[in-house]
Amino acid sequence: MDTIHVTPKQLTDCWAVSESTLERWRSEGIGSVFLKLKGQVRYRIVDIEAFEESCLASSTKSVFYNYGAQAIEVLWLPHLTFSRTVE
């Protein structure tokens, strides 16, 4: 079975976020895992699907995660993830 990869641009089209948002998420460890091959970022479809599965929610309540000393509030909608730092 061949592994299918997508570019950040292709993923931004699917998730309706900017490439700079994906870049920030990569630096902060938010979002799908990714590959960096010869300086090029690629996402495997299997990893995108796994991340989306982890984002499935049965209610509209917010979920909080701690990234180091920083708390992040994550709000999920189908194919969209919004996050903000919680003071």
N, C-alpha and C. Protein backbone atom coordinates (compact mmCIF):
# COMPACT_ATOMS: atom_id res chain seq x y z
N MET A 1 0.85 -1.18 0.00
CA MET A 1 0.00 0.00 0.00
C MET A 1 0.89 1.24 0.00
N ASP A 2 0.63 2.15 -0.93
CA ASP A 2 1.39 3.38 -1.02
C ASP A 2 0.92 4.38 0.02
N THR A 3 1.87 5.09 0.60
CA THR A 3 1.55 6.15 1.54
C THR A 3 1.27 7.42 0.76
N ILE A 4 0.18 8.07 1.06
CA ILE A 4 -0.18 9.30 0.37
C ILE A 4 0.21 10.49 1.25
N HIS A 5 0.87 11.47 0.64
CA HIS A 5 1.31 12.67 1.34
C HIS A 5 0.61 13.89 0.74
N VAL A 6 0.41 14.92 1.57
CA VAL A 6 -0.12 16.19 1.08
C VAL A 6 0.80 17.31 1.54
N THR A 7 0.76 18.41 0.82
CA THR A 7 1.55 19.58 1.16
C THR A 7 0.81 20.42 2.19
N PRO A 8 1.50 21.33 2.86
CA PRO A 8 0.79 22.24 3.76
C PRO A 8 -0.31 23.02 3.03
N LYS A 9 -0.07 23.44 1.81
CA LYS A 9 -1.09 24.17 1.04
C LYS A 9 -2.34 23.31 0.85
N GLN A 10 -2.16 22.05 0.52
CA GLN A 10 -3.32 21.17 0.35
C GLN A 10 -4.08 21.01 1.66
N LEU A 11 -3.36 20.92 2.78
CA LEU A 11 -4.02 20.78 4.07
C LEU A 11 -4.74 22.06 4.47
N THR A 12 -4.16 23.22 4.14
CA THR A 12 -4.85 24.48 4.46
C THR A 12 -6.17 24.59 3.71
N ASP A 13 -6.21 24.07 2.50
CA ASP A 13 -7.46 24.08 1.75
C ASP A 13 -8.52 23.22 2.43
N CYS A 14 -8.11 22.10 2.97
CA CYS A 14 -9.04 21.18 3.64
C CYS A 14 -9.51 21.74 4.98
N TRP A 15 -8.59 22.28 5.75
CA TRP A 15 -8.91 22.75 7.10
C TRP A 15 -9.30 24.23 7.16
N ALA A 16 -9.18 24.94 6.05
CA ALA A 16 -9.52 26.38 6.00
C ALA A 16 -8.73 27.19 7.02
N VAL A 17 -7.44 26.93 7.11
CA VAL A 17 -6.52 27.72 7.93
C VAL A 17 -5.38 28.17 7.03
N SER A 18 -4.63 29.16 7.47
CA SER A 18 -3.53 29.67 6.65
C SER A 18 -2.28 28.79 6.81
N GLU A 19 -1.38 28.93 5.85
CA GLU A 19 -0.12 28.19 5.95
C GLU A 19 0.68 28.66 7.16
N SER A 20 0.57 29.95 7.50
CA SER A 20 1.29 30.44 8.68
C SER A 20 0.73 29.83 9.97
N THR A 21 -0.58 29.56 9.99
CA THR A 21 -1.16 28.88 11.16
C THR A 21 -0.61 27.47 11.28
N LEU A 22 -0.53 26.74 10.17
CA LEU A 22 0.06 25.39 10.22
C LEU A 22 1.52 25.46 10.67
N GLU A 23 2.24 26.44 10.18
CA GLU A 23 3.65 26.60 10.58
C GLU A 23 3.76 26.86 12.08
N ARG A 24 2.90 27.72 12.60
CA ARG A 24 2.91 27.99 14.04
C ARG A 24 2.55 26.74 14.83
N TRP A 25 1.52 26.02 14.36
CA TRP A 25 1.13 24.78 15.04
C TRP A 25 2.28 23.78 15.06
N ARG A 26 3.01 23.67 13.94
CA ARG A 26 4.16 22.74 13.92
C ARG A 26 5.19 23.14 14.96
N SER A 27 5.46 24.44 15.08
CA SER A 27 6.47 24.89 16.05
C SER A 27 6.00 24.71 17.49
N GLU A 28 4.68 24.75 17.70
CA GLU A 28 4.12 24.61 19.05
C GLU A 28 3.69 23.18 19.38
N GLY A 29 3.83 22.27 18.42
CA GLY A 29 3.44 20.88 18.66
C GLY A 29 1.94 20.67 18.67
N ILE A 30 1.22 21.53 17.96
CA ILE A 30 -0.24 21.42 17.86
C ILE A 30 -0.58 20.87 16.48
N GLY A 31 -1.64 20.11 16.39
CA GLY A 31 -2.07 19.62 15.09
C GLY A 31 -1.48 18.27 14.75
N SER A 32 -1.60 17.91 13.51
CA SER A 32 -1.13 16.61 13.03
C SER A 32 0.39 16.54 13.03
N VAL A 33 0.91 15.35 13.26
CA VAL A 33 2.35 15.15 13.08
C VAL A 33 2.66 15.31 11.60
N PHE A 34 3.92 15.55 11.28
CA PHE A 34 4.31 15.83 9.90
C PHE A 34 5.69 15.26 9.62
N LEU A 35 6.02 15.23 8.35
CA LEU A 35 7.34 14.80 7.91
C LEU A 35 8.09 16.01 7.38
N LYS A 36 9.40 16.02 7.58
CA LYS A 36 10.22 17.04 6.95
C LYS A 36 11.27 16.30 6.15
N LEU A 37 11.09 16.27 4.84
CA LEU A 37 11.95 15.53 3.94
C LEU A 37 12.72 16.50 3.06
N LYS A 38 14.03 16.52 3.22
CA LYS A 38 14.88 17.41 2.43
C LYS A 38 14.38 18.85 2.49
N GLY A 39 13.99 19.29 3.68
CA GLY A 39 13.53 20.66 3.89
C GLY A 39 12.09 20.93 3.51
N GLN A 40 11.40 19.93 3.00
CA GLN A 40 10.00 20.10 2.59
C GLN A 40 9.08 19.44 3.60
N VAL A 41 8.04 20.16 4.02
CA VAL A 41 7.06 19.63 4.98
C VAL A 41 5.98 18.88 4.21
N ARG A 42 5.66 17.68 4.68
CA ARG A 42 4.58 16.88 4.11
C ARG A 42 3.81 16.24 5.26
N TYR A 43 2.52 16.05 5.02
CA TYR A 43 1.65 15.37 5.97
C TYR A 43 1.17 14.07 5.34
N ARG A 44 1.23 12.99 6.11
CA ARG A 44 0.68 11.73 5.63
C ARG A 44 -0.83 11.73 5.90
N ILE A 45 -1.58 11.28 4.93
CA ILE A 45 -3.04 11.21 5.08
C ILE A 45 -3.41 10.41 6.32
N VAL A 46 -2.72 9.32 6.57
CA VAL A 46 -3.03 8.48 7.74
C VAL A 46 -2.86 9.28 9.04
N ASP A 47 -1.86 10.17 9.10
CA ASP A 47 -1.65 10.99 10.30
C ASP A 47 -2.71 12.07 10.43
N ILE A 48 -3.12 12.66 9.31
CA ILE A 48 -4.18 13.66 9.32
C ILE A 48 -5.47 13.03 9.83
N GLU A 49 -5.79 11.85 9.31
CA GLU A 49 -7.01 11.16 9.74
C GLU A 49 -6.95 10.80 11.22
N ALA A 50 -5.78 10.38 11.70
CA ALA A 50 -5.64 10.05 13.12
C ALA A 50 -5.83 11.30 13.98
N PHE A 51 -5.26 12.43 13.55
CA PHE A 51 -5.45 13.67 14.29
C PHE A 51 -6.92 14.08 14.30
N GLU A 52 -7.57 13.99 13.15
CA GLU A 52 -8.99 14.34 13.09
C GLU A 52 -9.82 13.43 13.98
N GLU A 53 -9.48 12.15 14.03
CA GLU A 53 -10.18 11.21 14.93
C GLU A 53 -10.03 11.66 16.38
N SER A 54 -8.83 12.13 16.73
CA SER A 54 -8.60 12.56 18.11
C SER A 54 -9.36 13.84 18.44
N CYS A 55 -9.81 14.55 17.41
CA CYS A 55 -10.56 15.80 17.59
C CYS A 55 -12.06 15.60 17.63
N LEU A 56 -12.52 14.39 17.40
CA LEU A 56 -13.96 14.15 17.42
C LEU A 56 -14.50 14.45 18.81
N ALA A 57 -15.61 15.14 18.85
CA ALA A 57 -16.21 15.50 20.13
C ALA A 57 -17.70 15.22 20.07
N SER A 58 -18.28 14.92 21.22
CA SER A 58 -19.72 14.67 21.28
C SER A 58 -20.48 15.86 21.86
N SER A 59 -19.73 16.92 22.20
CA SER A 59 -20.38 18.15 22.66
C SER A 59 -19.56 19.33 22.16
N THR A 60 -20.08 20.52 22.37
CA THR A 60 -19.40 21.72 21.91
C THR A 60 -18.55 22.37 22.99
N LYS A 61 -18.34 21.67 24.11
CA LYS A 61 -17.53 22.21 25.19
C LYS A 61 -16.07 22.31 24.76
N SER A 62 -15.39 23.24 25.33
CA SER A 62 -13.97 23.42 25.06
C SER A 62 -13.17 22.35 25.78
N VAL A 63 -12.01 22.07 25.25
CA VAL A 63 -11.08 21.14 25.87
C VAL A 63 -9.80 21.91 26.13
N PHE A 64 -9.21 21.73 27.31
CA PHE A 64 -7.98 22.43 27.65
C PHE A 64 -6.82 21.46 27.69
N TYR A 65 -5.69 21.88 27.14
CA TYR A 65 -4.46 21.10 27.18
C TYR A 65 -3.36 21.99 27.74
N ASN A 66 -2.42 21.41 28.45
CA ASN A 66 -1.28 22.15 28.94
C ASN A 66 -0.07 21.83 28.08
N TYR A 67 0.54 22.85 27.53
CA TYR A 67 1.78 22.72 26.77
C TYR A 67 2.86 23.41 27.58
N GLY A 68 3.60 22.62 28.37
CA GLY A 68 4.58 23.20 29.26
C GLY A 68 3.87 24.01 30.32
N ALA A 69 4.29 25.26 30.50
CA ALA A 69 3.67 26.12 31.49
C ALA A 69 2.49 26.87 30.91
N GLN A 70 2.19 26.63 29.65
CA GLN A 70 1.16 27.38 28.96
C GLN A 70 -0.09 26.53 28.76
N ALA A 71 -1.24 27.04 29.14
CA ALA A 71 -2.51 26.34 28.93
C ALA A 71 -3.08 26.80 27.59
N ILE A 72 -3.55 25.86 26.81
CA ILE A 72 -4.14 26.16 25.50
C ILE A 72 -5.59 25.69 25.53
N GLU A 73 -6.49 26.56 25.13
CA GLU A 73 -7.88 26.18 24.98
C GLU A 73 -8.08 25.78 23.52
N VAL A 74 -8.59 24.60 23.29
CA VAL A 74 -8.79 24.12 21.93
C VAL A 74 -10.28 23.95 21.70
N LEU A 75 -10.78 24.60 20.65
CA LEU A 75 -12.18 24.50 20.27
C LEU A 75 -12.24 23.77 18.95
N TRP A 76 -12.99 22.70 18.89
CA TRP A 76 -13.05 21.89 17.68
C TRP A 76 -14.37 22.05 16.94
N LEU A 77 -14.26 22.19 15.64
CA LEU A 77 -15.38 22.13 14.72
C LEU A 77 -14.95 21.19 13.62
N PRO A 78 -15.85 20.62 12.85
CA PRO A 78 -15.43 19.70 11.80
C PRO A 78 -14.37 20.33 10.89
N HIS A 79 -13.23 19.72 10.79
CA HIS A 79 -12.10 20.12 9.96
C HIS A 79 -11.49 21.46 10.33
N LEU A 80 -11.84 22.02 11.48
CA LEU A 80 -11.25 23.27 11.93
C LEU A 80 -10.84 23.13 13.38
N THR A 81 -9.68 23.65 13.72
CA THR A 81 -9.25 23.66 15.10
C THR A 81 -8.78 25.06 15.42
N PHE A 82 -9.34 25.66 16.45
CA PHE A 82 -8.94 26.97 16.89
C PHE A 82 -8.32 26.83 18.26
N SER A 83 -7.25 27.56 18.50
CA SER A 83 -6.66 27.52 19.82
C SER A 83 -6.24 28.91 20.24
N ARG A 84 -6.21 29.12 21.54
CA ARG A 84 -5.74 30.40 22.07
C ARG A 84 -5.09 30.13 23.41
N THR A 85 -4.15 30.98 23.76
CA THR A 85 -3.50 30.89 25.05
C THR A 85 -4.47 31.36 26.12
N VAL A 86 -4.52 30.63 27.21
CA VAL A 86 -5.41 30.98 28.33
C VAL A 86 -4.57 31.68 29.38
N GLU A 87 -4.98 32.87 29.76
CA GLU A 87 -4.25 33.67 30.76
C GLU A 87 -4.46 33.10 32.13
